[in-house]
Protein backbone atom coordinates (compact mmCIF):
# COMPACT_ATOMS: atom_id res chain seq x y z
CA MET A 1 -19.17 -11.98 -9.19
CA ASP A 2 -17.39 -10.85 -12.30
CA SER A 3 -14.64 -12.80 -14.31
CA SER A 4 -12.19 -9.76 -13.77
CA MET A 5 -12.34 -9.46 -10.40
CA MET A 6 -12.07 -13.54 -10.07
CA TRP A 7 -8.76 -13.18 -11.93
CA THR A 8 -7.79 -10.22 -9.46
CA CYS A 9 -8.73 -12.44 -6.67
CA LEU A 10 -6.00 -15.15 -7.56
CA ASP A 11 -3.18 -12.68 -9.04
CA VAL A 12 -3.48 -10.47 -5.11
CA MET A 13 -3.19 -13.64 -3.54
CA ASN A 14 0.24 -14.99 -5.65
CA LEU A 15 1.64 -11.26 -5.24
CA SER A 16 0.80 -11.18 -1.53
CA ALA A 17 2.03 -14.06 -0.61
CA HIS A 18 5.46 -13.01 1.25
CA LEU A 19 4.08 -9.62 2.05
CA GLY A 20 2.18 -10.39 5.59
CA ILE A 21 1.57 -6.60 6.17
CA GLY A 22 -1.78 -4.38 6.06
CA PHE A 23 -4.38 -4.36 4.00
CA VAL A 24 -5.27 -4.47 0.42
CA LEU A 25 -8.39 -2.50 -1.17
CA LEU A 26 -8.44 -3.46 -5.20
CA ARG A 27 -11.60 -2.18 -7.63
CA SER A 28 -11.90 -3.80 -11.11
CA ARG A 29 -13.91 -2.65 -13.65
CA VAL A 30 -16.13 -5.33 -15.33
CA GLU A 31 -14.76 -6.74 -18.53
CA LYS A 32 -13.51 -9.78 -20.11
CA ARG A 33 -9.76 -9.66 -19.83
CA ARG A 34 -8.74 -13.42 -19.04
CA PRO A 35 -10.70 -16.66 -18.62
CA ALA A 36 -12.36 -16.80 -14.90
CA THR A 37 -10.10 -18.83 -12.55
CA ILE A 38 -13.25 -19.01 -10.19
CA SER A 39 -16.69 -20.30 -10.87
CA LEU A 40 -19.16 -18.82 -8.06
CA THR A 41 -22.99 -19.04 -7.87
CA ALA A 42 -25.28 -17.33 -5.10
CA ASN A 43 -24.07 -19.17 -2.31
CA LYS A 44 -21.67 -21.33 -3.70
CA SER A 45 -18.53 -21.60 -5.26
CA THR A 46 -15.98 -23.57 -7.03
CA THR A 47 -12.45 -23.29 -7.89
CA THR A 48 -10.22 -24.97 -11.53
CA ASN A 49 -7.45 -26.65 -10.59
CA LYS A 50 -5.41 -23.49 -10.94
CA MET A 51 -7.48 -21.99 -8.24
CA ASP A 52 -7.05 -25.17 -6.16
CA ASN A 53 -2.91 -24.91 -5.98
CA SER A 54 -3.49 -21.49 -4.62
CA SER A 55 -6.06 -22.18 -2.40
CA ASN A 56 -3.87 -23.07 0.69
CA LEU A 57 -3.10 -19.23 0.49
CA ILE A 58 -6.53 -18.29 1.77
CA ILE A 59 -7.46 -18.98 5.49
CA ARG A 60 -10.73 -17.27 5.67
CA ARG A 61 -13.37 -15.76 3.26
CA VAL A 62 -16.09 -13.02 3.93
CA GLU A 63 -18.57 -13.10 1.23
CA ASN A 64 -21.90 -11.20 3.36
CA ILE A 65 -19.97 -8.02 4.09
CA ILE A 66 -22.65 -5.26 5.09
CA LYS A 67 -23.66 -2.42 2.57
CA SER A 68 -25.59 0.14 1.43
CA GLN A 69 -29.02 -0.93 -0.66
CA GLU A 70 -27.75 1.65 -3.18
CA ASP A 71 -24.21 0.13 -3.30
CA LYS A 72 -23.95 -1.79 -6.72
CA ARG A 73 -20.42 -2.91 -6.32
CA LEU A 74 -19.43 -6.50 -5.45
CA TYR A 75 -17.33 -7.26 -2.20
CA ARG A 76 -15.44 -10.12 -1.11
CA GLY A 77 -12.86 -10.22 2.06
CA LEU A 78 -10.03 -12.49 2.50
CA GLU A 79 -7.44 -13.34 5.27
CA LEU A 80 -4.40 -15.07 3.67
CA SER A 81 -2.20 -17.73 5.36
CA ASN A 82 0.72 -14.69 6.02
CA HIS A 83 -2.93 -12.81 7.53
CA MET A 84 -2.79 -10.27 5.32
CA LYS A 85 -6.47 -9.19 5.11
CA VAL A 86 -7.70 -8.41 1.66
CA LEU A 87 -10.84 -6.58 0.34
CA LEU A 88 -11.77 -7.16 -2.94
CA VAL A 89 -13.94 -4.64 -4.76
CA SER A 90 -15.82 -4.94 -7.90
CA ASP A 91 -17.33 -1.35 -9.68
CA PRO A 92 -19.16 -2.10 -13.14
CA THR A 93 -18.75 1.62 -13.39
CA THR A 94 -15.22 2.47 -13.17
CA ASP A 95 -12.73 2.82 -15.97
CA LYS A 96 -9.95 2.03 -13.67
CA SER A 97 -8.52 -0.50 -11.69
CA ALA A 98 -7.01 0.30 -8.02
CA ALA A 99 -5.55 -1.06 -5.48
CA ALA A 100 -4.10 0.45 -2.00
CA LEU A 101 -1.89 -1.30 0.92
CA ASP A 102 -2.69 -0.15 4.79
CA HIS A 103 0.70 -0.87 6.56
CA ASP A 104 -0.42 -0.65 10.12
CA ARG A 105 2.12 -3.57 12.09
CA LYS A 106 5.55 -4.88 11.60
CA TYR A 107 8.68 -2.92 11.00
CA ILE A 108 7.96 0.84 11.21
CA ALA A 109 4.20 1.34 10.71
CA GLY A 110 3.63 5.21 11.45
CA TYR A 111 5.45 7.94 12.44
CA MET A 112 4.57 7.20 15.91
CA SER A 113 6.74 3.99 15.68
CA ASP A 114 9.83 6.59 15.05
CA PRO A 115 13.07 5.75 17.23
CA ARG A 116 13.26 9.24 19.14
CA GLU A 117 16.65 9.64 17.85
CA VAL A 118 15.32 9.72 14.19
CA LEU A 119 12.09 11.69 14.21
CA GLY A 120 10.92 11.46 10.65
CA LEU A 121 11.85 7.42 10.07
CA ALA A 122 8.62 6.50 8.85
CA HIS A 123 7.79 9.05 6.79
CA PHE A 124 11.46 9.41 5.01
CA CYS A 125 11.04 5.40 4.35
CA GLU A 126 7.60 6.19 3.05
CA HIS A 127 9.51 8.14 0.09
CA MET A 128 12.13 5.42 -0.18
CA LEU A 129 9.94 2.73 -1.33
CA PHE A 130 9.02 4.03 -4.81
CA LEU A 131 12.97 4.11 -5.65
CA GLY A 132 13.67 1.11 -6.94
CA THR A 133 13.23 -2.68 -6.05
CA GLN A 134 15.83 -5.80 -7.03
CA LYS A 135 12.93 -7.02 -9.37
CA TYR A 136 13.07 -3.16 -10.71
CA PRO A 137 15.72 -1.23 -10.00
CA ASN A 138 15.14 1.81 -12.05
CA GLU A 139 14.00 4.37 -9.77
CA ASN A 140 11.52 5.49 -12.25
CA ASP A 141 10.04 2.50 -13.54
CA TYR A 142 7.00 2.56 -11.08
CA SER A 143 5.60 6.17 -11.71
CA LYS A 144 6.74 5.95 -15.64
CA PHE A 145 4.63 2.16 -16.02
CA LEU A 146 1.50 4.29 -14.49
CA SER A 147 1.77 7.23 -16.42
CA GLU A 148 2.26 5.26 -19.32
CA HIS A 149 -0.85 3.72 -18.54
CA ASN A 150 -2.97 6.36 -17.37
CA GLY A 151 -2.15 5.57 -13.41
CA SER A 152 -1.21 7.59 -10.97
CA SER A 153 0.06 6.71 -7.53
CA ASN A 154 0.95 8.26 -3.75
CA ALA A 155 1.18 7.52 -0.21
CA ALA A 156 1.05 9.03 2.97
CA THR A 157 2.05 8.40 6.56
CA TYR A 158 0.07 9.06 9.81
CA PRO A 159 0.71 8.73 13.14
CA ASP A 160 -0.04 4.41 13.65
CA HIS A 161 -0.20 3.14 9.87
CA THR A 162 0.77 4.17 6.30
CA ILE A 163 -0.91 3.61 3.03
CA TYR A 164 -0.04 3.43 -0.33
CA TYR A 165 -2.00 3.56 -3.39
CA PHE A 166 -2.20 3.59 -7.00
CA ASP A 167 -4.91 3.65 -9.78
CA VAL A 168 -4.08 2.70 -13.45
CA VAL A 169 -6.00 1.06 -16.82
CA PRO A 170 -7.92 -2.41 -15.99
CA GLU A 171 -5.63 -4.33 -18.70
CA GLU A 172 -2.34 -3.48 -16.76
CA LEU A 173 -3.51 -3.88 -13.13
CA SER A 174 -1.24 -7.58 -13.20
CA ASN A 175 1.84 -5.50 -13.83
CA ALA A 176 1.30 -2.62 -11.57
CA LEU A 177 0.62 -4.75 -8.69
CA ASP A 178 3.89 -6.97 -9.63
CA ARG A 179 5.63 -3.45 -9.22
CA PHE A 180 3.67 -2.22 -6.72
CA SER A 181 4.12 -5.72 -4.34
CA GLN A 182 8.13 -5.40 -4.57
CA PHE A 183 7.78 -2.52 -2.59
CA PHE A 184 7.29 -4.57 0.30
CA ILE A 185 9.34 -7.79 -0.96
CA ALA A 186 12.92 -6.23 -1.58
CA PRO A 187 13.54 -2.28 -2.19
CA LEU A 188 17.16 -1.31 -2.71
CA PHE A 189 16.80 1.75 -0.66
CA THR A 190 20.08 3.23 -2.25
CA GLU A 191 22.78 5.35 -1.48
CA ALA A 192 21.93 8.17 -4.38
CA ALA A 193 18.33 8.13 -3.41
CA THR A 194 18.39 8.30 0.17
CA ASP A 195 20.53 11.90 -0.20
CA ARG A 196 18.26 12.99 -2.15
CA GLU A 197 14.84 11.88 -0.79
CA MET A 198 16.15 13.35 2.53
CA ASN A 199 16.26 16.62 0.91
CA ALA A 200 12.91 15.95 -0.50
CA VAL A 201 11.52 15.26 3.19
CA ASN A 202 12.88 18.45 4.18
CA SER A 203 11.66 20.36 1.63
CA GLU A 204 7.82 19.32 2.76
CA HIS A 205 8.84 20.08 6.12
CA GLU A 206 9.63 24.09 5.05
CA LYS A 207 6.30 24.13 3.04
CA ASN A 208 4.74 23.01 5.94
CA ILE A 209 5.83 25.39 8.27
CA PRO A 210 3.87 28.29 6.97
CA SER A 211 0.83 26.11 7.69
CA ASP A 212 -1.64 26.74 10.81
CA VAL A 213 -2.99 23.35 10.40
CA TRP A 214 0.10 21.99 10.69
CA ARG A 215 1.41 24.42 13.33
CA LYS A 216 -1.11 23.73 15.46
CA ASP A 217 -1.18 19.91 14.73
CA GLN A 218 2.61 19.91 15.97
CA LEU A 219 2.07 21.89 18.62
CA ASP A 220 -0.96 19.59 19.55
CA LYS A 221 1.88 17.28 19.80
CA HIS A 222 4.47 18.72 21.43
CA MET A 223 1.68 19.57 24.40
CA ALA A 224 1.24 15.62 24.79
CA ASP A 225 2.93 13.72 27.44
CA SER A 226 6.56 13.25 26.83
CA ALA A 227 6.52 10.01 27.49
CA HIS A 228 3.62 8.94 24.84
CA PRO A 229 4.84 8.09 21.54
CA TYR A 230 2.13 10.76 20.29
CA HIS A 231 5.23 13.53 22.04
CA THR A 232 7.10 13.16 18.27
CA PHE A 233 7.60 15.31 15.14
CA GLY A 234 6.51 12.97 12.04
CA THR A 235 8.23 15.13 8.82
CA GLY A 236 11.47 14.57 9.56
CA THR A 237 14.45 16.78 8.44
CA GLN A 238 17.24 16.63 6.51
CA ARG A 239 19.28 17.30 9.91
CA ILE A 240 17.40 14.99 12.23
CA ILE A 241 17.62 12.34 9.48
CA ASN A 242 21.31 12.71 8.32
CA LYS A 243 22.71 13.04 11.73
CA ASN A 244 21.77 9.63 12.83
CA HIS A 245 23.46 6.35 11.48
CA PHE A 246 20.72 3.72 11.17
CA THR A 247 19.22 0.64 9.69
CA VAL A 248 16.48 -0.42 8.49
CA ASN A 249 15.82 -4.27 7.97
CA PHE A 250 13.45 -6.00 5.60
């Protein structure tokens, strides 16, 4: 396993120590950026003192991940002490590093978890997480950092989970991960951003109205059993969100 993946592995464990949610996927280009903190042989691994200090963060490793014979990438699975599951992927051909976090438990995981009185709340929270954290309070810090380092990001809210992801040049993966992880540790949810993102959610809904795909999808939900969480409206509107007083606890 290459040194870039070893370095990423330690970084992810340190940054993930407080998250406890979802699933992370990383892919790293093979190149020399830092001295390796893990030394591996084919069937045996040894660690440096630095790794020993972090070893209590890992409760399970998975090395024998099944893959296609034509897949030349290297994989490692981890389960951290907070039960966060991590998949590390090393790809020698890519020119970007990337990460994704799939939030599928605790708090508001997807729009089927929305309170009936605030339909669209999970989608609204997805928008809000991008707009400042305690460590990086500037609303544009995350997007500005990625754009300055040939990166991009996005997120999507699904019925039972929400996924956030980004890519960036390999040299800036650690800094990007630090900003990314703060979404799930200490988001700000400022009043100014709240008003603006309610408008953004409403605009997204209005954009979807003429789409037959979206209309059929909403009809499918509407015709579901009214007692089932699938009978919902996941996008939300300004009117629905704004008319209700709610508190999101992190």
